């Protein structure tokens, strides 16, 4: 189990979670942030700092956003496990589910 980022992050990307993550496992896509399931240590530091409440423990993801459990994991299928997001910066793509979403109004 791991933490995941869901729909409220799309087109917001506040990035407060990036500063809180002690293992640098939150990666930036074009439209949202993604938590690497193999690099996350389940510390939960990211969850309380998210201003739009987009971060959930995988088992606690609201049903309407349950597909984001797979979205977070599958985002890394081609990327592998880079060992930290800081060295990569913005990854110029998103998971196809996110890329296909209509533009969201930022909070």
N, C-alpha and C. Protein backbone atom coordinates (compact mmCIF):
# COMPACT_ATOMS: atom_id res chain seq x y z
N UNK A 1 0.83 -1.20 0.00
CA UNK A 1 0.00 0.00 0.00
C UNK A 1 0.87 1.25 0.00
N UNK A 2 0.31 2.30 -0.54
CA UNK A 2 1.04 3.55 -0.65
C UNK A 2 0.05 4.72 -0.66
N UNK A 3 0.56 5.90 -0.69
CA UNK A 3 -0.29 7.07 -0.86
C UNK A 3 -0.44 7.36 -2.34
N UNK A 4 -1.57 7.96 -2.71
CA UNK A 4 -1.83 8.31 -4.10
C UNK A 4 -2.37 9.74 -4.17
N UNK A 5 -2.20 10.33 -5.33
CA UNK A 5 -2.74 11.67 -5.59
C UNK A 5 -3.91 11.50 -6.55
N UNK A 6 -5.02 12.16 -6.24
CA UNK A 6 -6.25 11.97 -7.01
C UNK A 6 -6.68 13.25 -7.73
N UNK A 7 -7.88 13.20 -8.25
CA UNK A 7 -8.47 14.23 -9.11
C UNK A 7 -8.30 15.68 -8.63
N UNK A 8 -8.42 15.99 -7.34
CA UNK A 8 -8.31 17.41 -6.94
C UNK A 8 -6.98 18.07 -7.31
N UNK A 9 -5.96 17.29 -7.59
CA UNK A 9 -4.66 17.86 -7.97
C UNK A 9 -4.60 18.29 -9.44
N UNK A 10 -5.46 17.72 -10.27
CA UNK A 10 -5.39 17.98 -11.71
C UNK A 10 -5.56 19.49 -11.97
N UNK A 11 -4.61 20.04 -12.67
CA UNK A 11 -4.54 21.46 -13.05
C UNK A 11 -4.36 22.40 -11.87
N UNK A 12 -3.99 21.85 -10.71
CA UNK A 12 -3.70 22.69 -9.53
C UNK A 12 -2.20 22.65 -9.22
N UNK A 13 -1.68 21.44 -8.97
CA UNK A 13 -0.26 21.21 -8.69
C UNK A 13 0.31 22.23 -7.70
N UNK A 14 -0.22 22.32 -6.51
CA UNK A 14 0.26 23.25 -5.48
C UNK A 14 1.72 23.01 -5.11
N UNK A 15 2.14 21.78 -5.05
CA UNK A 15 3.51 21.34 -4.79
C UNK A 15 3.97 21.45 -3.34
N UNK A 16 3.10 21.79 -2.40
CA UNK A 16 3.49 21.80 -0.99
C UNK A 16 3.96 20.42 -0.56
N UNK A 17 3.37 19.39 -1.16
CA UNK A 17 3.73 18.01 -0.82
C UNK A 17 5.18 17.70 -1.20
N UNK A 18 5.68 18.31 -2.25
CA UNK A 18 7.06 18.06 -2.68
C UNK A 18 8.05 18.42 -1.58
N UNK A 19 7.80 19.53 -0.91
CA UNK A 19 8.70 19.99 0.15
C UNK A 19 8.63 19.09 1.39
N UNK A 20 7.51 18.43 1.60
CA UNK A 20 7.33 17.60 2.79
C UNK A 20 7.83 16.18 2.62
N UNK A 21 7.91 15.71 1.39
CA UNK A 21 8.27 14.30 1.15
C UNK A 21 9.75 14.06 1.49
N UNK A 22 10.03 13.21 2.48
CA UNK A 22 11.42 12.98 2.87
C UNK A 22 12.21 12.09 1.90
N UNK A 23 11.52 11.42 0.97
CA UNK A 23 12.22 10.53 0.04
C UNK A 23 12.10 10.96 -1.42
N UNK A 24 11.55 12.15 -1.65
CA UNK A 24 11.49 12.72 -3.01
C UNK A 24 10.79 11.79 -4.00
N UNK A 25 9.62 11.24 -3.57
CA UNK A 25 8.93 10.26 -4.42
C UNK A 25 7.71 10.85 -5.13
N UNK A 26 7.53 12.17 -5.07
CA UNK A 26 6.39 12.80 -5.74
C UNK A 26 6.90 13.48 -7.00
N UNK A 27 6.38 13.03 -8.13
CA UNK A 27 6.86 13.47 -9.44
C UNK A 27 5.83 14.38 -10.09
N UNK A 28 6.32 15.32 -10.89
CA UNK A 28 5.45 16.29 -11.54
C UNK A 28 5.23 15.95 -13.00
N UNK A 29 3.95 15.72 -13.34
CA UNK A 29 3.56 15.57 -14.73
C UNK A 29 3.06 16.91 -15.25
N UNK A 30 2.59 16.94 -16.46
CA UNK A 30 2.09 18.19 -17.06
C UNK A 30 0.93 18.80 -16.28
N UNK A 31 -0.03 17.96 -15.85
CA UNK A 31 -1.26 18.48 -15.24
C UNK A 31 -1.46 18.10 -13.79
N UNK A 32 -0.70 17.15 -13.27
CA UNK A 32 -0.84 16.77 -11.87
C UNK A 32 0.45 16.15 -11.35
N UNK A 33 0.48 15.90 -10.05
CA UNK A 33 1.61 15.25 -9.41
C UNK A 33 1.27 13.78 -9.19
N UNK A 34 2.29 12.94 -9.12
CA UNK A 34 2.12 11.50 -8.99
C UNK A 34 3.06 10.96 -7.91
N UNK A 35 2.59 10.04 -7.09
CA UNK A 35 3.43 9.41 -6.07
C UNK A 35 3.91 8.06 -6.59
N UNK A 36 5.22 7.87 -6.56
CA UNK A 36 5.80 6.62 -7.03
C UNK A 36 5.53 5.53 -5.99
N UNK A 37 4.80 4.47 -6.37
CA UNK A 37 4.40 3.45 -5.39
C UNK A 37 5.56 2.64 -4.80
N UNK A 38 6.66 2.52 -5.51
CA UNK A 38 7.79 1.76 -4.99
C UNK A 38 8.74 2.62 -4.17
N UNK A 39 8.69 3.92 -4.35
CA UNK A 39 9.59 4.81 -3.62
C UNK A 39 8.94 5.40 -2.37
N UNK A 40 7.61 5.43 -2.33
CA UNK A 40 6.88 5.97 -1.18
C UNK A 40 7.10 5.07 0.04
N UNK A 41 7.41 5.69 1.18
CA UNK A 41 7.64 4.93 2.41
C UNK A 41 6.43 4.99 3.34
N UNK A 42 5.30 5.49 2.85
CA UNK A 42 4.05 5.54 3.61
C UNK A 42 4.15 6.36 4.88
N UNK A 43 4.95 7.40 4.88
CA UNK A 43 5.09 8.23 6.08
C UNK A 43 3.89 9.15 6.29
N UNK A 44 3.22 9.52 5.20
CA UNK A 44 2.04 10.37 5.29
C UNK A 44 2.32 11.85 5.44
N UNK A 45 3.56 12.28 5.34
CA UNK A 45 3.89 13.70 5.51
C UNK A 45 3.24 14.58 4.46
N UNK A 46 2.99 14.04 3.30
CA UNK A 46 2.42 14.81 2.20
C UNK A 46 0.94 15.11 2.38
N UNK A 47 0.23 14.20 2.99
CA UNK A 47 -1.23 14.29 3.06
C UNK A 47 -1.76 15.55 3.75
N UNK A 48 -1.29 15.91 4.94
CA UNK A 48 -1.88 17.07 5.62
C UNK A 48 -1.53 18.42 5.00
N UNK A 49 -0.48 18.49 4.19
CA UNK A 49 -0.10 19.78 3.61
C UNK A 49 -0.78 20.08 2.28
N UNK A 50 -1.49 19.12 1.73
CA UNK A 50 -2.16 19.33 0.44
C UNK A 50 -3.37 20.24 0.63
N UNK A 51 -3.35 21.43 0.03
CA UNK A 51 -4.43 22.38 0.25
C UNK A 51 -5.76 22.00 -0.41
N UNK A 52 -5.72 21.06 -1.36
CA UNK A 52 -6.96 20.65 -2.02
C UNK A 52 -7.38 19.23 -1.63
N UNK A 53 -6.71 18.67 -0.63
CA UNK A 53 -7.02 17.34 -0.11
C UNK A 53 -7.09 16.29 -1.22
N UNK A 54 -6.01 16.24 -2.01
CA UNK A 54 -5.92 15.32 -3.14
C UNK A 54 -5.15 14.05 -2.83
N UNK A 55 -4.53 13.97 -1.65
CA UNK A 55 -3.67 12.83 -1.32
C UNK A 55 -4.37 11.92 -0.33
N UNK A 56 -4.36 10.62 -0.68
CA UNK A 56 -5.05 9.62 0.13
C UNK A 56 -4.17 8.39 0.30
N UNK A 57 -4.33 7.71 1.46
CA UNK A 57 -3.76 6.38 1.58
C UNK A 57 -4.54 5.52 0.59
N UNK A 58 -3.87 4.68 -0.12
CA UNK A 58 -4.48 3.93 -1.23
C UNK A 58 -5.83 3.30 -0.87
N UNK A 59 -5.92 2.68 0.28
CA UNK A 59 -7.18 2.03 0.68
C UNK A 59 -8.29 3.04 1.01
N UNK A 60 -7.91 4.30 1.24
CA UNK A 60 -8.88 5.33 1.63
C UNK A 60 -9.28 6.26 0.49
N UNK A 61 -8.81 5.98 -0.71
CA UNK A 61 -9.17 6.83 -1.86
C UNK A 61 -10.69 6.76 -2.06
N UNK A 62 -11.35 7.92 -2.12
CA UNK A 62 -12.80 7.90 -2.35
C UNK A 62 -13.14 7.12 -3.63
N UNK A 63 -14.26 6.43 -3.58
CA UNK A 63 -14.63 5.54 -4.69
C UNK A 63 -14.68 6.28 -6.03
N UNK A 64 -15.15 7.54 -6.02
CA UNK A 64 -15.25 8.26 -7.29
C UNK A 64 -13.88 8.53 -7.92
N UNK A 65 -12.81 8.42 -7.13
CA UNK A 65 -11.45 8.63 -7.65
C UNK A 65 -10.60 7.37 -7.56
N UNK A 66 -11.20 6.23 -7.36
CA UNK A 66 -10.47 4.97 -7.18
C UNK A 66 -9.52 4.68 -8.34
N UNK A 67 -9.88 5.10 -9.56
CA UNK A 67 -9.00 4.83 -10.70
C UNK A 67 -7.65 5.51 -10.57
N UNK A 68 -7.54 6.51 -9.70
CA UNK A 68 -6.26 7.21 -9.52
C UNK A 68 -5.23 6.34 -8.79
N UNK A 69 -5.67 5.27 -8.11
CA UNK A 69 -4.70 4.32 -7.55
C UNK A 69 -3.87 3.72 -8.69
N UNK A 70 -4.54 3.29 -9.74
CA UNK A 70 -3.83 2.74 -10.91
C UNK A 70 -3.12 3.84 -11.69
N UNK A 71 -3.73 5.00 -11.80
CA UNK A 71 -3.13 6.11 -12.54
C UNK A 71 -1.76 6.45 -11.96
N UNK A 72 -1.65 6.55 -10.63
CA UNK A 72 -0.36 6.86 -10.01
C UNK A 72 0.67 5.78 -10.32
N UNK A 73 0.30 4.51 -10.19
CA UNK A 73 1.24 3.42 -10.43
C UNK A 73 1.64 3.33 -11.90
N UNK A 74 0.65 3.42 -12.79
CA UNK A 74 0.92 3.26 -14.22
C UNK A 74 1.70 4.42 -14.83
N UNK A 75 1.66 5.58 -14.21
CA UNK A 75 2.44 6.72 -14.69
C UNK A 75 3.93 6.34 -14.78
N UNK A 76 4.36 5.43 -13.92
CA UNK A 76 5.77 5.06 -13.84
C UNK A 76 6.12 3.81 -14.65
N UNK A 77 5.17 3.25 -15.40
CA UNK A 77 5.45 2.05 -16.19
C UNK A 77 6.63 2.24 -17.13
N UNK A 78 6.68 3.34 -17.84
CA UNK A 78 7.78 3.60 -18.78
C UNK A 78 8.97 4.27 -18.10
N UNK A 79 8.71 4.95 -17.02
CA UNK A 79 9.74 5.73 -16.33
C UNK A 79 10.61 4.87 -15.42
N UNK A 80 10.03 3.79 -14.91
CA UNK A 80 10.75 2.95 -13.97
C UNK A 80 10.83 3.60 -12.60
N UNK A 81 11.91 3.35 -11.91
CA UNK A 81 12.12 3.91 -10.58
C UNK A 81 13.38 4.76 -10.59
N UNK A 82 13.23 6.06 -10.91
CA UNK A 82 14.38 6.94 -11.04
C UNK A 82 15.11 7.24 -9.74
N UNK A 83 14.47 6.99 -8.59
CA UNK A 83 15.14 7.22 -7.31
C UNK A 83 15.05 8.66 -6.84
N UNK A 84 14.06 9.38 -7.26
CA UNK A 84 13.87 10.75 -6.78
C UNK A 84 13.46 11.68 -7.90
N UNK A 85 12.51 12.54 -7.58
CA UNK A 85 11.96 13.42 -8.61
C UNK A 85 12.79 14.67 -8.87
N UNK A 86 13.59 15.09 -7.90
CA UNK A 86 14.32 16.36 -8.04
C UNK A 86 15.23 16.36 -9.27
N UNK A 87 15.83 15.23 -9.57
CA UNK A 87 16.75 15.19 -10.70
C UNK A 87 16.03 15.18 -12.05
N UNK A 88 14.73 14.86 -12.05
CA UNK A 88 13.98 14.81 -13.30
C UNK A 88 13.23 16.10 -13.61
N UNK A 89 12.74 16.77 -12.57
CA UNK A 89 11.93 17.97 -12.81
C UNK A 89 10.61 17.59 -13.47
N UNK A 90 10.05 18.52 -14.21
CA UNK A 90 8.78 18.30 -14.90
C UNK A 90 8.91 17.19 -15.94
N UNK A 91 8.03 16.22 -15.85
CA UNK A 91 7.97 15.16 -16.84
C UNK A 91 6.90 15.58 -17.84
N UNK A 92 7.25 15.79 -19.09
CA UNK A 92 6.33 16.40 -20.06
C UNK A 92 5.24 15.47 -20.60
N UNK A 93 4.52 14.83 -19.69
CA UNK A 93 3.41 13.97 -20.07
C UNK A 93 2.56 13.71 -18.84
N UNK A 94 1.43 13.07 -19.04
CA UNK A 94 0.55 12.64 -17.96
C UNK A 94 0.04 11.25 -18.30
N UNK A 95 -0.54 10.61 -17.31
CA UNK A 95 -1.22 9.33 -17.56
C UNK A 95 -2.35 9.64 -18.54
N UNK A 96 -2.68 8.72 -19.46
CA UNK A 96 -3.74 8.97 -20.44
C UNK A 96 -5.09 9.37 -19.82
N UNK A 97 -5.43 8.83 -18.65
CA UNK A 97 -6.68 9.22 -17.98
C UNK A 97 -6.66 10.71 -17.64
N UNK A 98 -5.55 11.17 -17.13
CA UNK A 98 -5.42 12.60 -16.77
C UNK A 98 -5.36 13.46 -18.01
N UNK A 99 -4.60 13.04 -19.00
CA UNK A 99 -4.46 13.82 -20.23
C UNK A 99 -5.81 14.01 -20.92
N UNK A 100 -6.71 13.04 -20.78
CA UNK A 100 -8.00 13.10 -21.45
C UNK A 100 -9.05 13.93 -20.69
N UNK A 101 -8.75 14.30 -19.47
CA UNK A 101 -9.72 15.07 -18.67
C UNK A 101 -9.89 16.48 -19.23
N UNK A 102 -11.09 17.03 -19.13
CA UNK A 102 -11.27 18.44 -19.52
C UNK A 102 -10.52 19.31 -18.51
N UNK A 103 -10.16 20.50 -18.90
CA UNK A 103 -9.46 21.44 -18.02
C UNK A 103 -10.28 21.64 -16.75
N UNK A 104 -9.58 21.63 -15.62
CA UNK A 104 -10.22 21.83 -14.32
C UNK A 104 -10.02 23.28 -13.88
N UNK A 105 -10.98 23.81 -13.18
CA UNK A 105 -10.84 25.16 -12.63
C UNK A 105 -9.95 25.09 -11.40
N UNK A 106 -8.81 25.80 -11.40
CA UNK A 106 -7.94 25.81 -10.22
C UNK A 106 -8.69 26.40 -9.02
N UNK A 107 -8.39 25.84 -7.87
CA UNK A 107 -9.03 26.30 -6.64
C UNK A 107 -8.51 27.66 -6.26
